[in-house]
Amino acid sequence: MQRGARRKIAATHRKARHLDQELEDYTPPFTGSEIISILSLPQGPEVGEVLQLLENMFIENGPVSKQDALDFLAEWGKGKDNSKRK
């Protein structure tokens, strides 16, 4: 194996370890109780779905600020309201 390829592989392994650590350290921007309050949701599986969406947002985009999470929740809530009306 060539030296350049080895360096690329090593760099990829370092990045993967770093991303694994970030995911391990992930703390959602809001608790389930806060989501219930913000979205006026009843306790239940929907709260877990929202928490999973926020985690996916973190995985795809990196750290998420509370404001970005609030904006996301507002849009999610609007979509939920629109689907109820149909």
C-alpha atoms as a PDB file:
ATOM      1  CA  MET A   1       0.000   0.000   0.000  1.00  0.00           C
ATOM      2  CA  GLN A   2       1.323   3.433  -0.876  1.00  0.00           C
ATOM      3  CA  ARG A   3       2.195   5.991   1.771  1.00  0.00           C
ATOM      4  CA  GLY A   4      -0.477   8.453   0.551  1.00  0.00           C
ATOM      5  CA  ALA A   5      -3.183   5.821   0.813  1.00  0.00           C
ATOM      6  CA  ARG A   6      -2.076   4.937   4.336  1.00  0.00           C
ATOM      7  CA  ARG A   7      -2.259   8.599   5.364  1.00  0.00           C
ATOM      8  CA  LYS A   8      -5.769   8.905   3.941  1.00  0.00           C
ATOM      9  CA  ILE A   9      -6.870   5.766   5.759  1.00  0.00           C
ATOM     10  CA  ALA A  10      -5.353   6.989   9.027  1.00  0.00           C
ATOM     11  CA  ALA A  11      -7.038  10.388   8.607  1.00  0.00           C
ATOM     12  CA  THR A  12     -10.371   8.681   7.930  1.00  0.00           C
ATOM     13  CA  HIS A  13      -9.975   6.551  11.072  1.00  0.00           C
ATOM     14  CA  ARG A  14      -9.168   9.656  13.166  1.00  0.00           C
ATOM     15  CA  LYS A  15     -12.210  11.464  11.788  1.00  0.00           C
ATOM     16  CA  ALA A  16     -14.427   8.447  12.472  1.00  0.00           C
ATOM     17  CA  ARG A  17     -13.190   8.268  16.082  1.00  0.00           C
ATOM     18  CA  HIS A  18     -13.836  12.007  16.480  1.00  0.00           C
ATOM     19  CA  LEU A  19     -17.375  11.675  15.076  1.00  0.00           C
ATOM     20  CA  ASP A  20     -18.045   8.673  17.318  1.00  0.00           C
ATOM     21  CA  GLN A  21     -16.971  10.754  20.329  1.00  0.00           C
ATOM     22  CA  GLU A  22     -19.183  13.676  19.266  1.00  0.00           C
ATOM     23  CA  LEU A  23     -22.168  11.363  18.949  1.00  0.00           C
ATOM     24  CA  GLU A  24     -21.385   9.785  22.310  1.00  0.00           C
ATOM     25  CA  ASP A  25     -21.260  13.270  23.871  1.00  0.00           C
ATOM     26  CA  TYR A  26     -24.500  14.360  22.161  1.00  0.00           C
ATOM     27  CA  THR A  27     -27.024  16.031  24.416  1.00  0.00           C
ATOM     28  CA  PRO A  28     -30.329  17.036  22.809  1.00  0.00           C
ATOM     29  CA  PRO A  29     -31.004  20.781  22.852  1.00  0.00           C
ATOM     30  CA  PHE A  30     -34.277  20.091  24.696  1.00  0.00           C
ATOM     31  CA  THR A  31     -35.554  17.434  27.052  1.00  0.00           C
ATOM     32  CA  GLY A  32     -38.728  15.506  26.386  1.00  0.00           C
ATOM     33  CA  SER A  33     -40.514  17.651  28.988  1.00  0.00           C
ATOM     34  CA  GLU A  34     -39.406  20.835  27.225  1.00  0.00           C
ATOM     35  CA  ILE A  35     -40.600  19.484  23.872  1.00  0.00           C
ATOM     36  CA  ILE A  36     -43.980  18.644  25.423  1.00  0.00           C
ATOM     37  CA  SER A  37     -44.210  22.226  26.675  1.00  0.00           C
ATOM     38  CA  ILE A  38     -42.937  23.916  23.495  1.00  0.00           C
ATOM     39  CA  LEU A  39     -45.165  21.921  21.136  1.00  0.00           C
ATOM     40  CA  SER A  40     -48.100  21.357  23.516  1.00  0.00           C
ATOM     41  CA  LEU A  41     -47.829  17.622  22.922  1.00  0.00           C
ATOM     42  CA  PRO A  42     -49.205  14.936  25.191  1.00  0.00           C
ATOM     43  CA  GLN A  43     -46.708  12.492  26.672  1.00  0.00           C
ATOM     44  CA  GLY A  44     -46.175   9.621  24.294  1.00  0.00           C
ATOM     45  CA  PRO A  45     -44.169   8.207  21.420  1.00  0.00           C
ATOM     46  CA  GLU A  46     -44.433  11.403  19.376  1.00  0.00           C
ATOM     47  CA  VAL A  47     -42.081  13.120  21.846  1.00  0.00           C
ATOM     48  CA  GLY A  48     -39.523  10.372  21.242  1.00  0.00           C
ATOM     49  CA  GLU A  49     -39.936  10.841  17.493  1.00  0.00           C
ATOM     50  CA  VAL A  50     -39.162  14.548  17.857  1.00  0.00           C
ATOM     51  CA  LEU A  51     -36.096  13.776  19.974  1.00  0.00           C
ATOM     52  CA  GLN A  52     -34.955  11.339  17.266  1.00  0.00           C
ATOM     53  CA  LEU A  53     -35.451  14.022  14.600  1.00  0.00           C
ATOM     54  CA  LEU A  54     -33.273  16.412  16.615  1.00  0.00           C
ATOM     55  CA  GLU A  55     -30.601  13.727  16.953  1.00  0.00           C
ATOM     56  CA  ASN A  56     -30.718  13.106  13.203  1.00  0.00           C
ATOM     57  CA  MET A  57     -30.353  16.847  12.661  1.00  0.00           C
ATOM     58  CA  PHE A  58     -27.210  16.734  14.826  1.00  0.00           C
ATOM     59  CA  ILE A  59     -25.821  13.728  12.935  1.00  0.00           C
ATOM     60  CA  GLU A  60     -26.396  15.387   9.571  1.00  0.00           C
ATOM     61  CA  ASN A  61     -25.350  18.953  10.450  1.00  0.00           C
ATOM     62  CA  GLY A  62     -23.219  18.846  13.583  1.00  0.00           C
ATOM     63  CA  PRO A  63     -24.009  20.714  16.798  1.00  0.00           C
ATOM     64  CA  VAL A  64     -27.436  22.373  16.825  1.00  0.00           C
ATOM     65  CA  SER A  65     -28.089  25.610  18.708  1.00  0.00           C
ATOM     66  CA  LYS A  66     -31.222  25.978  20.817  1.00  0.00           C
ATOM     67  CA  GLN A  67     -32.462  28.630  18.367  1.00  0.00           C
ATOM     68  CA  ASP A  68     -31.968  26.321  15.363  1.00  0.00           C
ATOM     69  CA  ALA A  69     -33.748  23.562  17.273  1.00  0.00           C
ATOM     70  CA  LEU A  70     -36.616  25.946  18.138  1.00  0.00           C
ATOM     71  CA  ASP A  71     -36.917  26.959  14.483  1.00  0.00           C
ATOM     72  CA  PHE A  72     -36.973  23.288  13.503  1.00  0.00           C
ATOM     73  CA  LEU A  73     -39.647  22.515  16.110  1.00  0.00           C
ATOM     74  CA  ALA A  74     -41.755  25.441  14.905  1.00  0.00           C
ATOM     75  CA  GLU A  75     -41.612  24.152  11.321  1.00  0.00           C
ATOM     76  CA  TRP A  76     -42.310  20.604  12.459  1.00  0.00           C
ATOM     77  CA  GLY A  77     -45.321  21.844  14.448  1.00  0.00           C
ATOM     78  CA  LYS A  78     -46.667  23.739  11.424  1.00  0.00           C
ATOM     79  CA  GLY A  79     -46.383  20.594   9.295  1.00  0.00           C
ATOM     80  CA  LYS A  80     -48.174  18.601  11.973  1.00  0.00           C
ATOM     81  CA  ASP A  81     -50.975  21.175  12.125  1.00  0.00           C
ATOM     82  CA  ASN A  82     -51.362  21.114   8.329  1.00  0.00           C
ATOM     83  CA  SER A  83     -51.575  17.312   8.249  1.00  0.00           C
ATOM     84  CA  LYS A  84     -54.381  17.401  10.874  1.00  0.00           C
ATOM     85  CA  ARG A  85     -56.466  19.695   8.662  1.00  0.00           C
ATOM     86  CA  LYS A  86     -56.420  17.358   5.658  1.00  0.00           C
END
